[in-house]
Amino acid sequence: MKKTIIYFAAAAAMAAACQVENLESPQTAEGEPFSIQASFQSTKTALDTDGWKVSWDDNDALSVIAVYADGTTRDYKFDKGEGDTFSCPKVYSPEDITALNVFYPYDENQYDMDGDYGRAGMSFGSGMQQSAIDDASHIDGPLYGYAELESGEGQVVMHHASTLFDIQVVNSSDKDILITEVKISTQDGDKNMTGWFKVNPQTGAVEPTSAYKEAALPVNEVTVSAGQTGHFYITSAPFKLLQGKTFSVTVTANGIQSRFEKTVESDGTGKFAAGTVNHIKAEFTEVEEVDPNLTVSIEPSYMAPIAASGEFTINVTSTGDWTVVPETGIDDWLEVSALKGSGNGTVTVTLKELAGGDSDVRTGKVTFRAGVNSAVLTVQHGYAQQIGNLVWAKANVGESGRFASSPDDPGMLYQYASNVAWTNNYPDDDYSNGITSGPEGYPTGAKNSPQTWPEDQDPCPEGWRVPTAKEVTALMGTDTDNKFGWLEPSASGFGAPGVACGLSKETAKAATKDNMAGCIFLPCSGNRAWKNGLYQNPTHVTIQSSTIANVAGNNDGNAYRYVVKIMGSDTKFALPSSPENKWGYGELNMAYSVRCVADNQTDEQ
């Protein structure tokens, strides 16, 4: 039988989930047998205690929503059989199925996007917090799969791209504990727990595209009462642990970090396989009380330095004793001068030059803690790339004043002369969902000023700014001398399509995530419309500039500003060096991606 591979990452899968409509009750009366083969066999970790298992249990089931050629949908329950095969005895007209949405675990109301592990339309991501001991409302995105099928296909092979950890915090003490963070980590330097990852469509193998050794969950001050157990949920990329290696859970309770460490003792491999739920216990028998009134703050709380290495001063303000806790896995490029102090003081952060050259980008966090309160320093290092006489950032702007976590991440969208960040729906296109209005508060309509982007409204991090049209032209080239090449994820290693840019087209087209050869990568990001704020054009690469174009506005009274638009390939584009082509311009209330340039330079350099 012909097999189809379902492959996905969390962000890409969410679009399909939100488009499911016209759902009916689970089909039971008619149909033909249909099966889904799980791509990872049942496995068991070889840790020393607790019996942590990574496997499909015999009573596991999947919710499967089938989309048919006529646009209707039906939902089914698929039960586990032999060899990790999930089957349904009666699937209506399988030859007419055009797509499958697969959810784990099964829930009879899964099609309402609110199953046991939350809503499939919301993947757990940066900045989200767990706000109750059993709340996983943003967790189950990575346990969802989507595939388009050709008519008449038989068995479907399902590939998950993540694994879910259920951290069970057992409070066996006689005092309540306040949880503010839970994280998992390994001692192996090559484990990919939080970085971008992909599934190779040719082989079905999960391939990491970066390596991080820790995945942390911010917790919104959740209390686990004496004698109770609280559940906290973390997703990560799948990984393996070899004999003698360790896996740890760190729980911050009452302002104090407690580490629970396990060692792989068998001769085999303990695999935290994709698409599985891992139940992990962390038990507290004694709880230390701390002063809840202690405070701590730091300045700055975010750094994205241009220099390849150097020392930076962090000012600490506190009402008592404080500790400094760098996250696991950043000690090869970041050091702090002191791990504790009292009252007001300073800490020196030393950043080392990264070994990976122009391809290396790292993000790390350092927590300053006093009692139950904390302040977090975020450091994004290696985000600078010199091209010609200018230094460009390696990633788009995410939240205002911060870069996105990876060059793959399209970041957020910004209107001209504004530092307000609007959500980026990539890769979804809201027009296809029948949405008729943009996000609440989005300014719409014609706009024709100011002439330049005000400094106090610049969304770039400190030390960076929105580039001028001349600088953007120097980066991208002209109609007759392009300095960019289109890259597809399957060849480049990036998690999204886009362009490498800054050098000759031949050099740019040969760039990969592991070797950018001096270029920078711009991912597809789309834009928001000026008339209604709708998200559109997800296949477009866009980049803002800071000045109004010297041409007349359109018939609606809008002024234009220079904008790069590369539309699905390096043969369809518009550059700001083409004044006769108004597609090289954008209305001022259109929202586009922002890529920053170092602000101690000018386009005359």
Protein backbone atom coordinates (compact mmCIF):
# COMPACT_ATOMS: atom_id res chain seq x y z
CA MET A 1 0.00 0.00 0.00
CA LYS A 2 1.10 3.54 -0.60
CA LYS A 3 2.06 5.46 2.53
CA THR A 4 1.82 9.17 3.26
CA ILE A 5 4.09 10.79 5.81
CA ILE A 6 2.50 13.27 8.18
CA TYR A 7 5.19 15.71 9.19
CA PHE A 8 4.92 18.99 11.02
CA ALA A 9 6.29 21.46 13.50
CA ALA A 10 3.97 23.10 16.00
CA ALA A 11 3.73 26.53 14.38
CA ALA A 12 3.04 25.19 10.90
CA ALA A 13 0.39 22.76 12.06
CA MET A 14 -1.79 25.27 13.85
CA ALA A 15 -3.19 26.81 10.69
CA ALA A 16 -4.87 23.61 9.61
CA ALA A 17 -6.40 23.01 13.01
CA CYS A 18 -8.21 26.33 13.02
CA GLN A 19 -9.78 25.71 9.61
CA VAL A 20 -11.74 22.59 10.59
CA GLU A 21 -15.48 23.20 10.21
CA ASN A 22 -18.82 21.40 9.79
CA LEU A 23 -17.88 18.64 12.21
CA GLU A 24 -20.15 15.69 12.84
CA SER A 25 -20.34 13.04 15.53
CA PRO A 26 -17.76 10.21 15.47
CA GLN A 27 -18.61 7.84 12.62
CA THR A 28 -19.82 4.41 13.78
CA ALA A 29 -22.53 3.15 11.40
CA GLU A 30 -20.78 2.70 8.07
CA GLY A 31 -17.42 2.71 6.39
CA GLU A 32 -14.21 0.79 5.76
CA PRO A 33 -11.19 0.00 7.98
CA PHE A 34 -8.45 2.64 8.02
CA SER A 35 -5.21 2.77 10.01
CA ILE A 36 -2.46 5.16 11.06
CA GLN A 37 1.03 3.87 11.83
CA ALA A 38 2.91 5.72 14.58
CA SER A 39 6.37 6.50 13.29
CA PHE A 40 8.16 5.88 16.59
CA GLN A 41 7.97 2.50 18.27
CA SER A 42 7.17 2.20 21.96
CA THR A 43 10.23 2.88 24.06
CA LYS A 44 11.11 3.12 27.73
CA THR A 45 13.67 5.35 29.32
CA ALA A 46 16.38 3.63 31.33
CA LEU A 47 16.47 6.01 34.30
CA ASP A 48 17.19 4.72 37.78
CA THR A 49 13.88 5.36 39.57
CA ASP A 50 10.26 6.41 39.11
CA GLY A 51 9.77 4.20 36.06
CA TRP A 52 9.55 7.12 33.69
CA LYS A 53 8.11 5.70 30.49
CA VAL A 54 7.99 7.01 26.97
CA SER A 55 5.57 4.80 25.12
CA TRP A 56 2.17 4.31 23.59
CA ASP A 57 -0.01 2.61 26.17
CA ASP A 58 -2.43 -0.15 25.17
CA ASN A 59 -5.43 2.04 25.94
CA ASP A 60 -4.18 5.07 23.99
CA ALA A 61 -6.41 6.51 21.30
CA LEU A 62 -6.26 9.31 18.75
CA SER A 63 -8.85 11.82 17.61
CA VAL A 64 -8.79 11.97 13.83
CA ILE A 65 -10.71 14.55 11.82
CA ALA A 66 -10.96 13.63 8.14
CA VAL A 67 -11.53 16.34 5.54
CA TYR A 68 -13.33 15.18 2.39
CA ALA A 69 -13.17 16.35 -1.20
CA ASP A 70 -16.59 18.02 -0.95
CA GLY A 71 -15.42 20.13 2.01
CA THR A 72 -17.26 18.19 4.72
CA THR A 73 -15.50 16.74 7.76
CA ARG A 74 -16.00 13.69 9.96
CA ASP A 75 -14.30 12.85 13.22
CA TYR A 76 -13.23 9.37 14.28
CA LYS A 77 -11.73 7.57 17.25
CA PHE A 78 -8.63 5.52 16.35
CA ASP A 79 -7.66 2.88 18.96
CA LYS A 80 -4.17 1.48 19.43
CA GLY A 81 -3.46 -1.96 18.02
CA GLU A 82 -0.38 -4.08 17.54
CA GLY A 83 2.90 -2.45 16.63
CA ASP A 84 1.74 1.07 17.43
CA THR A 85 -0.87 0.98 14.71
CA PHE A 86 -4.01 3.03 15.42
CA SER A 87 -7.12 1.91 13.58
CA CYS A 88 -10.77 2.72 13.09
CA PRO A 89 -13.02 -0.11 11.81
CA LYS A 90 -15.41 2.16 9.94
CA VAL A 91 -14.15 5.20 8.08
CA TYR A 92 -16.58 6.64 5.58
CA SER A 93 -15.34 6.73 1.96
CA PRO A 94 -11.59 6.77 2.68
CA GLU A 95 -10.90 7.18 -1.02
CA ASP A 96 -12.46 10.66 -0.82
CA ILE A 97 -10.37 11.88 2.12
CA THR A 98 -8.13 14.81 1.15
CA ALA A 99 -6.63 15.65 4.54
CA LEU A 100 -6.30 14.29 8.08
CA ASN A 101 -6.05 16.18 11.37
CA VAL A 102 -4.64 13.93 14.10
CA PHE A 103 -4.84 14.73 17.84
CA TYR A 104 -3.36 12.96 20.84
CA PRO A 105 -4.81 12.10 23.30
CA TYR A 106 -8.33 11.27 22.17
CA ASP A 107 -11.18 13.31 23.56
CA GLU A 108 -14.79 13.05 22.43
CA ASN A 109 -14.87 16.85 22.25
CA GLN A 110 -11.47 17.16 20.58
CA TYR A 111 -13.02 18.71 17.51
CA ASP A 112 -14.01 21.65 19.71
CA MET A 113 -10.27 22.30 20.10
CA ASP A 114 -10.48 21.78 23.87
CA GLY A 115 -9.35 18.26 24.69
CA ASP A 116 -7.49 16.81 27.65
CA TYR A 117 -4.35 18.77 26.85
CA GLY A 118 -5.93 22.01 25.76
CA ARG A 119 -6.77 23.76 22.51
CA ALA A 120 -5.01 22.55 19.39
CA GLY A 121 -5.05 26.04 17.94
CA MET A 122 -2.55 27.34 20.52
CA SER A 123 0.93 25.92 20.74
CA PHE A 124 2.91 26.54 23.90
CA GLY A 125 5.44 29.20 23.07
CA SER A 126 7.69 31.95 24.30
CA GLY A 127 6.14 34.23 26.90
CA MET A 128 3.23 31.94 27.82
CA GLN A 129 2.86 30.84 31.44
CA GLN A 130 1.05 28.07 33.23
CA SER A 131 -1.41 29.66 35.62
CA ALA A 132 -2.90 26.67 37.48
CA ILE A 133 -1.50 23.35 38.63
CA ASP A 134 -3.35 21.30 36.00
CA ASP A 135 -3.64 23.94 33.27
CA ALA A 136 -2.25 22.81 29.93
CA SER A 137 -4.36 25.11 27.78
CA HIS A 138 -1.42 26.08 25.56
CA ILE A 139 0.39 22.79 25.46
CA ASP A 140 -0.91 20.31 22.92
CA GLY A 141 0.06 21.93 19.63
CA PRO A 142 3.09 19.65 19.11
CA LEU A 143 0.90 16.56 19.64
CA TYR A 144 -1.14 17.41 16.56
CA GLY A 145 -0.47 16.26 13.01
CA TYR A 146 -1.82 17.27 9.62
CA ALA A 147 -1.46 15.61 6.20
CA GLU A 148 -2.88 16.13 2.74
CA LEU A 149 -3.77 12.81 1.06
CA GLU A 150 -4.24 11.65 -2.48
CA SER A 151 -7.41 9.69 -3.22
CA GLY A 152 -7.34 5.97 -2.60
CA GLU A 153 -4.44 5.92 -0.15
CA GLY A 154 -4.20 3.22 2.48
CA GLN A 155 -2.18 3.31 5.65
CA VAL A 156 -0.86 6.68 6.81
CA VAL A 157 2.46 6.99 8.63
CA MET A 158 2.28 9.60 11.39
CA HIS A 159 5.36 11.59 12.44
CA HIS A 160 5.22 13.73 15.56
CA ALA A 161 7.74 16.50 16.08
CA SER A 162 7.62 16.93 19.86
CA THR A 163 7.18 15.19 23.18
CA LEU A 164 5.16 16.31 26.20
CA PHE A 165 6.43 16.22 29.80
CA ASP A 166 3.94 16.04 32.67
CA ILE A 167 5.98 17.25 35.67
CA GLN A 168 4.24 16.03 38.83
CA VAL A 169 5.30 18.22 41.77
CA VAL A 170 4.44 16.19 44.89
CA ASN A 171 4.30 18.27 48.08
CA SER A 172 4.84 15.80 50.93
CA SER A 173 5.82 18.54 53.38
CA ASP A 174 3.58 20.25 55.93
CA LYS A 175 3.81 23.68 54.25
CA ASP A 176 2.37 25.10 51.04
CA ILE A 177 4.86 25.85 48.27
CA LEU A 178 4.74 28.59 45.65
CA ILE A 179 5.97 27.48 42.23
CA THR A 180 7.38 30.10 39.83
CA GLU A 181 9.33 27.98 37.32
CA VAL A 182 9.74 24.37 36.21
CA LYS A 183 12.42 23.29 33.75
CA ILE A 184 13.96 20.14 32.30
CA SER A 185 17.57 19.78 31.16
CA THR A 186 20.26 17.30 30.16
CA GLN A 187 24.02 17.30 30.55
CA ASP A 188 24.57 16.42 26.89
CA GLY A 189 25.73 19.27 24.71
CA ASP A 190 23.98 18.02 21.58
CA LYS A 191 20.45 17.68 22.93
CA ASN A 192 17.87 19.73 21.08
CA MET A 193 15.16 20.48 23.64
CA THR A 194 14.01 23.99 22.78
CA GLY A 195 15.54 24.93 19.43
CA TRP A 196 13.93 24.73 16.02
CA PHE A 197 13.56 21.26 14.56
CA LYS A 198 12.13 19.73 11.42
CA VAL A 199 11.03 16.43 9.94
CA ASN A 200 12.86 15.31 6.82
CA PRO A 201 10.04 14.56 4.33
CA GLN A 202 12.19 12.03 2.47
CA THR A 203 13.14 9.90 5.48
CA GLY A 204 10.66 10.94 8.14
CA ALA A 205 13.52 11.52 10.60
CA VAL A 206 13.28 14.33 13.16
CA GLU A 207 16.33 16.53 12.62
CA PRO A 208 17.42 19.29 15.02
CA THR A 209 18.53 22.55 13.46
CA SER A 210 20.03 23.94 16.65
CA ALA A 211 21.12 22.54 20.01
CA TYR A 212 19.89 23.65 23.40
CA LYS A 213 20.04 21.63 26.60
CA GLU A 214 17.15 23.10 28.55
CA ALA A 215 13.43 23.79 28.27
CA ALA A 216 11.85 26.05 30.89
CA LEU A 217 8.22 26.76 31.78
CA PRO A 218 7.40 30.09 33.46
CA VAL A 219 4.75 29.54 36.14
CA ASN A 220 2.42 32.31 37.27
CA GLU A 221 2.89 31.90 41.06
CA VAL A 222 0.98 28.65 41.43
CA THR A 223 0.53 27.22 44.94
CA VAL A 224 0.78 23.48 45.57
CA SER A 225 -0.78 22.88 49.00
CA ALA A 226 0.68 20.54 51.60
CA GLY A 227 -0.18 16.95 50.76
CA GLN A 228 -1.19 17.80 47.17
CA THR A 229 0.30 17.13 43.72
CA GLY A 230 0.49 19.76 40.99
CA HIS A 231 0.91 18.98 37.30
CA PHE A 232 3.06 21.22 35.09
CA TYR A 233 3.51 20.68 31.35
CA ILE A 234 6.53 21.26 29.12
CA THR A 235 7.01 20.42 25.45
CA SER A 236 10.39 19.84 23.83
CA ALA A 237 11.95 18.32 20.76
CA PRO A 238 12.48 14.55 21.12
CA PHE A 239 15.91 13.39 22.29
CA LYS A 240 17.90 10.38 23.48
CA LEU A 241 20.04 9.79 26.56
CA LEU A 242 22.97 7.36 26.54
CA GLN A 243 24.24 5.28 29.44
CA GLY A 244 25.74 7.40 32.22
CA LYS A 245 24.11 10.63 31.07
CA THR A 246 21.76 12.59 33.31
CA PHE A 247 18.33 14.13 32.99
CA SER A 248 17.11 16.65 35.55
CA VAL A 249 14.00 18.51 36.60
CA THR A 250 14.48 21.84 38.38
CA VAL A 251 11.56 23.31 40.32
CA THR A 252 11.69 26.83 41.76
CA ALA A 253 9.57 26.70 44.93
CA ASN A 254 9.40 29.54 47.47
CA GLY A 255 12.18 31.26 45.58
CA ILE A 256 14.59 28.33 45.93
CA GLN A 257 15.64 26.04 43.09
CA SER A 258 15.46 22.30 43.83
CA ARG A 259 17.08 19.92 41.35
CA PHE A 260 15.91 16.32 40.83
CA GLU A 261 18.50 14.38 38.83
CA LYS A 262 18.32 10.94 37.24
CA THR A 263 21.07 8.93 35.55
CA VAL A 264 20.72 6.45 32.70
CA GLU A 265 22.08 3.16 34.05
CA SER A 266 21.23 0.53 31.44
CA ASP A 267 23.32 -0.38 28.44
CA GLY A 268 20.57 0.76 26.14
CA THR A 269 19.33 4.17 25.15
CA GLY A 270 16.65 6.04 27.07
CA LYS A 271 14.60 7.71 24.37
CA PHE A 272 12.20 10.59 24.96
CA ALA A 273 10.33 9.82 21.78
CA ALA A 274 8.22 12.17 19.70
CA GLY A 275 4.47 12.17 20.19
CA THR A 276 4.56 10.73 23.70
CA VAL A 277 3.64 11.92 27.18
CA ASN A 278 6.30 11.55 29.88
CA HIS A 279 5.11 11.46 33.52
CA ILE A 280 7.90 12.71 35.79
CA LYS A 281 7.77 13.02 39.60
CA ALA A 282 9.55 15.67 41.71
CA GLU A 283 8.78 15.21 45.42
CA PHE A 284 9.27 17.82 48.16
CA THR A 285 9.56 16.45 51.71
CA GLU A 286 10.87 19.66 53.30
CA VAL A 287 10.23 23.24 52.30
CA GLU A 288 12.38 26.18 53.34
CA GLU A 289 10.54 29.40 54.17
CA VAL A 290 11.79 32.68 52.71
CA ASP A 291 10.93 36.34 53.19
CA PRO A 292 8.14 37.08 50.67
CA ASN A 293 8.80 40.83 50.89
CA LEU A 294 12.29 40.79 49.40
CA THR A 295 12.52 42.55 46.03
CA VAL A 296 15.04 42.55 43.20
CA SER A 297 15.32 44.37 39.87
CA ILE A 298 18.04 44.70 37.23
CA GLU A 299 19.09 47.14 34.54
CA PRO A 300 19.29 46.32 31.71
CA SER A 301 17.03 43.27 31.47
CA TYR A 302 17.78 42.61 27.78
CA MET A 303 20.99 42.60 25.76
CA ALA A 304 21.71 41.99 22.06
CA PRO A 305 25.25 43.32 21.70
CA ILE A 306 26.87 44.13 18.37
CA ALA A 307 30.35 43.18 19.59
CA ALA A 308 31.51 39.59 19.08
CA SER A 309 32.71 39.45 22.70
CA GLY A 310 33.10 41.71 25.73
CA GLU A 311 32.11 42.55 29.29
CA PHE A 312 28.80 44.18 30.24
CA THR A 313 27.63 45.55 33.60
CA ILE A 314 24.26 44.62 35.10
CA ASN A 315 23.02 46.90 37.91
CA VAL A 316 21.16 45.05 40.67
CA THR A 317 18.73 46.76 43.07
CA SER A 318 17.48 44.64 45.98
CA THR A 319 16.14 44.93 49.53
CA GLY A 320 18.17 41.96 50.76
CA ASP A 321 20.22 38.94 49.77
CA TRP A 322 20.01 37.78 46.15
CA THR A 323 21.36 34.94 44.01
CA VAL A 324 22.26 34.67 40.33
CA VAL A 325 21.26 31.53 38.41
CA PRO A 326 22.38 31.21 34.75
CA GLU A 327 20.30 28.69 32.83
CA THR A 328 21.87 25.35 31.99
CA GLY A 329 23.89 25.10 28.80
CA ILE A 330 25.07 28.69 28.29
CA ASP A 331 28.38 28.48 30.17
CA ASP A 332 30.34 27.93 26.96
CA TRP A 333 29.58 31.49 25.81
CA LEU A 334 28.34 33.44 28.87
CA GLU A 335 29.86 33.90 32.35
CA VAL A 336 28.75 35.97 35.34
CA SER A 337 31.20 37.45 37.85
CA ALA A 338 29.17 36.68 40.99
CA LEU A 339 26.48 34.19 41.92
CA LYS A 340 25.22 36.05 44.98
CA GLY A 341 25.12 39.46 46.60
CA SER A 342 23.19 41.67 49.01
CA GLY A 343 21.42 44.98 48.56
CA ASN A 344 22.40 47.14 45.59
CA GLY A 345 25.36 46.05 43.50
CA THR A 346 26.67 45.11 40.08
CA VAL A 347 27.36 41.88 38.21
CA THR A 348 29.62 41.62 35.17
CA VAL A 349 28.40 39.46 32.30
CA THR A 350 31.17 38.27 29.99
CA LEU A 351 30.24 37.14 26.48
CA LYS A 352 32.69 34.97 24.56
CA GLU A 353 33.12 34.96 20.80
CA LEU A 354 30.99 32.21 19.28
CA ALA A 355 32.71 29.30 17.58
CA GLY A 356 30.15 28.99 14.80
CA GLY A 357 31.09 32.22 13.05
CA ASP A 358 28.45 33.93 10.95
CA SER A 359 25.96 31.09 11.47
CA ASP A 360 25.99 31.07 15.27
CA VAL A 361 23.12 32.69 17.21
CA ARG A 362 22.49 32.02 20.90
CA THR A 363 19.79 33.04 23.38
CA GLY A 364 20.22 32.60 27.13
CA LYS A 365 18.64 33.74 30.39
CA VAL A 366 20.16 34.65 33.76
CA THR A 367 17.77 34.81 36.74
CA PHE A 368 18.37 37.18 39.67
CA ARG A 369 16.35 35.97 42.66
CA ALA A 370 15.54 37.43 46.07
CA GLY A 371 13.11 35.36 48.12
CA VAL A 372 10.14 34.45 45.95
CA ASN A 373 10.75 37.37 43.59
CA SER A 374 13.00 37.39 40.56
CA ALA A 375 14.21 39.42 37.59
CA VAL A 376 15.40 37.83 34.35
CA LEU A 377 18.19 39.01 32.07
CA THR A 378 17.74 37.83 28.47
CA VAL A 379 20.88 37.79 26.32
CA GLN A 380 20.80 37.25 22.57
CA HIS A 381 24.35 36.85 21.31
CA GLY A 382 25.73 36.56 17.81
CA TYR A 383 22.92 38.62 16.27
CA ALA A 384 25.30 40.93 14.40
CA GLN A 385 26.51 40.38 10.82
CA GLN A 386 28.63 42.94 8.99
CA ILE A 387 27.83 43.27 5.30
CA GLY A 388 29.87 45.89 3.52
CA ASN A 389 30.10 48.90 5.82
CA LEU A 390 26.94 48.08 7.79
CA VAL A 391 26.15 45.70 10.65
CA TRP A 392 22.80 43.92 10.27
CA ALA A 393 20.85 41.92 12.82
CA LYS A 394 20.51 38.20 12.11
CA ALA A 395 16.82 38.02 13.07
CA ASN A 396 13.65 40.10 12.73
CA VAL A 397 12.24 42.12 15.59
CA GLY A 398 9.85 40.12 17.76
CA GLU A 399 8.27 41.98 20.65
CA SER A 400 9.12 45.66 20.58
CA GLY A 401 12.71 46.15 21.74
CA ARG A 402 13.67 42.48 21.31
CA PHE A 403 14.77 40.24 18.50
CA ALA A 404 12.91 37.07 17.60
CA SER A 405 14.43 33.94 19.12
CA SER A 406 15.77 32.56 15.83
CA PRO A 407 16.47 33.67 12.24
CA ASP A 408 13.69 31.21 11.26
CA ASP A 409 11.13 33.15 13.31
CA PRO A 410 9.35 35.86 11.25
CA GLY A 411 8.88 37.99 14.36
CA MET A 412 6.05 40.51 14.63
CA LEU A 413 4.69 43.12 12.23
CA TYR A 414 5.08 46.90 12.50
CA GLN A 415 3.38 49.86 10.86
CA TYR A 416 5.45 52.80 9.69
CA ALA A 417 6.66 55.16 12.45
CA SER A 418 5.31 52.89 15.22
CA ASN A 419 6.83 50.58 17.84
CA VAL A 420 3.54 48.74 18.44
CA ALA A 421 3.97 45.04 17.68
CA TRP A 422 1.14 43.33 15.79
CA THR A 423 0.83 39.56 15.75
CA ASN A 424 2.18 37.66 12.79
CA ASN A 425 -0.10 34.81 11.71
CA TYR A 426 2.50 33.12 9.50
CA PRO A 427 1.92 30.72 7.79
CA ASP A 428 -1.86 31.17 8.01
CA ASP A 429 -3.77 33.56 5.76
CA ASP A 430 -6.79 35.04 7.53
CA TYR A 431 -8.63 35.68 4.27
CA SER A 432 -9.11 31.92 3.89
CA ASN A 433 -10.82 31.74 7.28
CA GLY A 434 -13.53 34.27 6.56
CA ILE A 435 -12.13 36.82 9.02
CA THR A 436 -13.13 40.37 8.11
CA SER A 437 -11.21 42.55 10.57
CA GLY A 438 -7.72 42.85 11.97
CA PRO A 439 -6.57 42.80 15.60
CA GLU A 440 -8.32 45.06 18.08
CA GLY A 441 -6.86 48.57 18.06
CA TYR A 442 -5.08 48.25 14.72
CA PRO A 443 -4.93 51.75 13.11
CA THR A 444 -6.37 51.68 9.59
CA GLY A 445 -6.90 54.09 6.74
CA ALA A 446 -4.74 56.54 4.83
CA LYS A 447 -1.63 58.09 6.38
CA ASN A 448 0.96 60.48 4.93
CA SER A 449 3.39 61.50 7.68
CA PRO A 450 5.95 61.78 9.22
CA GLN A 451 8.77 61.97 6.70
CA THR A 452 11.10 59.83 8.83
CA TRP A 453 10.57 57.19 11.53
CA PRO A 454 10.82 58.92 14.97
CA GLU A 455 13.59 57.58 17.20
CA ASP A 456 11.25 57.24 20.19
CA GLN A 457 8.98 54.96 18.13
CA ASP A 458 11.75 52.69 16.81
CA PRO A 459 10.93 49.03 17.71
CA CYS A 460 14.55 47.85 17.41
CA PRO A 461 16.50 46.85 20.56
CA GLU A 462 18.87 49.34 22.17
CA GLY A 463 21.86 49.90 19.89
CA TRP A 464 19.87 49.13 16.75
CA ARG A 465 17.46 51.05 14.47
CA VAL A 466 15.17 50.67 11.44
CA PRO A 467 17.32 50.94 8.27
CA THR A 468 17.02 53.69 5.68
CA ALA A 469 15.92 52.98 2.11
CA LYS A 470 19.50 53.44 0.94
CA GLU A 471 20.72 50.87 3.44
CA VAL A 472 18.05 48.40 2.41
CA THR A 473 19.00 48.87 -1.24
CA ALA A 474 22.66 48.21 -0.38
CA LEU A 475 21.59 44.96 1.29
CA MET A 476 19.18 43.67 -1.37
CA GLY A 477 20.72 45.05 -4.57
CA THR A 478 18.94 46.40 -7.60
CA ASP A 479 16.73 45.00 -10.37
CA THR A 480 19.81 44.37 -12.49
CA ASP A 481 22.16 43.29 -9.67
CA ASN A 482 20.29 41.16 -7.11
CA LYS A 483 21.99 40.36 -3.82
CA PHE A 484 19.58 37.68 -2.61
CA GLY A 485 18.59 34.10 -3.37
CA TRP A 486 15.47 32.10 -2.45
CA LEU A 487 15.95 29.21 0.01
CA GLU A 488 13.58 26.31 0.69
CA PRO A 489 13.66 24.59 4.12
CA SER A 490 14.42 21.14 2.65
CA ALA A 491 17.75 22.38 1.28
CA SER A 492 18.72 25.24 3.60
CA GLY A 493 18.01 23.74 7.03
CA PHE A 494 15.88 26.72 8.06
CA GLY A 495 12.45 26.13 9.54
CA ALA A 496 10.73 28.38 6.97
CA PRO A 497 11.25 29.44 3.35
CA GLY A 498 12.85 32.82 2.70
CA VAL A 499 15.90 34.50 1.20
CA ALA A 500 19.58 34.76 2.03
CA CYS A 501 20.74 38.26 1.19
CA GLY A 502 23.60 40.73 1.32
CA LEU A 503 26.08 39.20 -1.14
CA SER A 504 25.94 38.04 -4.75
CA LYS A 505 22.95 35.97 -5.82
CA GLU A 506 25.22 32.97 -6.45
CA THR A 507 26.61 33.13 -2.90
CA ALA A 508 23.18 33.74 -1.37
CA LYS A 509 21.53 30.77 -3.09
CA ALA A 510 24.26 28.44 -1.77
CA ALA A 511 23.86 29.58 1.87
CA THR A 512 22.53 27.21 4.54
CA LYS A 513 21.63 27.64 8.21
CA ASP A 514 24.95 26.00 9.14
CA ASN A 515 26.97 28.19 6.79
CA MET A 516 25.50 31.55 5.87
CA ALA A 517 28.75 32.59 4.13
CA GLY A 518 28.38 36.17 5.36
CA CYS A 519 24.73 36.62 4.32
CA ILE A 520 21.67 37.10 6.55
CA PHE A 521 18.39 35.17 6.28
CA LEU A 522 14.97 36.80 5.88
CA PRO A 523 12.08 34.34 6.45
CA CYS A 524 8.64 34.55 4.86
CA SER A 525 6.55 36.81 7.05
CA GLY A 526 3.66 38.39 5.14
CA ASN A 527 2.05 41.63 6.22
CA ARG A 528 -1.12 43.23 7.60
CA ALA A 529 -3.35 45.30 5.31
CA TRP A 530 -3.70 49.06 5.76
CA LYS A 531 -7.48 49.11 5.19
CA ASN A 532 -8.58 46.48 7.71
CA GLY A 533 -5.51 45.02 9.46
CA LEU A 534 -6.00 41.53 8.01
CA TYR A 535 -2.98 39.27 7.76
CA GLN A 536 -2.09 38.44 4.16
CA ASN A 537 0.62 37.25 1.76
CA PRO A 538 2.27 34.58 3.94
CA THR A 539 4.56 33.59 1.05
CA HIS A 540 6.11 37.08 0.90
CA VAL A 541 9.41 38.11 2.47
CA THR A 542 9.13 41.73 3.62
CA ILE A 543 11.46 44.28 5.19
CA GLN A 544 10.70 47.84 6.31
CA SER A 545 12.64 51.06 5.76
CA SER A 546 12.46 54.24 7.79
CA THR A 547 11.70 56.91 5.16
CA ILE A 548 8.75 57.94 2.99
CA ALA A 549 9.26 57.39 -0.73
CA ASN A 550 9.74 60.43 -2.97
CA VAL A 551 6.77 59.55 -5.19
CA ALA A 552 3.12 60.48 -5.03
CA GLY A 553 0.80 58.51 -2.82
CA ASN A 554 -2.01 56.31 -4.08
CA ASN A 555 -5.56 57.39 -4.92
CA ASP A 556 -6.72 56.78 -1.33
CA GLY A 557 -4.51 59.56 0.03
CA ASN A 558 -1.76 57.30 1.38
CA ALA A 559 1.88 58.20 1.24
CA TYR A 560 4.25 55.35 0.35
CA ARG A 561 7.42 54.19 2.04
CA TYR A 562 10.12 51.93 0.67
CA VAL A 563 9.47 48.23 1.34
CA VAL A 564 11.15 45.09 0.03
CA LYS A 565 8.68 42.44 -1.16
CA ILE A 566 9.95 39.09 -2.41
CA MET A 567 6.99 37.00 -3.49
CA GLY A 568 7.61 33.26 -3.24
CA SER A 569 10.82 33.15 -5.29
CA ASP A 570 13.81 35.26 -6.26
CA THR A 571 12.25 35.87 -9.69
CA LYS A 572 9.22 37.76 -8.32
CA PHE A 573 10.21 40.75 -6.25
CA ALA A 574 10.07 44.50 -5.84
CA LEU A 575 12.96 46.51 -4.46
CA PRO A 576 13.11 50.12 -3.28
CA SER A 577 15.49 50.88 -6.15
CA SER A 578 12.59 50.62 -8.64
CA PRO A 579 10.65 53.92 -8.40
CA GLU A 580 8.68 53.15 -11.56
CA ASN A 581 7.20 50.06 -9.89
CA LYS A 582 4.85 51.06 -7.08
CA TRP A 583 4.77 47.47 -5.84
CA GLY A 584 8.14 48.43 -4.41
CA TYR A 585 6.31 50.68 -1.99
CA GLY A 586 3.90 50.13 0.85
CA GLU A 587 1.14 52.29 2.30
CA LEU A 588 2.14 53.73 5.68
CA ASN A 589 -0.46 51.80 7.67
CA MET A 590 0.61 48.47 6.19
CA ALA A 591 2.44 46.38 8.81
CA TYR A 592 5.62 44.61 7.73
CA SER A 593 8.63 42.86 9.26
CA VAL A 594 11.49 44.91 10.70
CA ARG A 595 15.15 43.96 10.32
CA CYS A 596 17.49 46.28 12.20
CA VAL A 597 20.88 47.82 11.49
CA ALA A 598 23.38 48.97 14.12
CA ASP A 599 22.55 52.58 15.02
CA ASN A 600 26.14 53.83 15.27
CA GLN A 601 26.40 53.76 11.49
CA THR A 602 24.93 55.75 8.62
CA ASP A 603 24.21 54.79 5.05
CA GLU A 604 26.99 57.12 3.90
CA GLN A 605 29.66 54.92 5.54
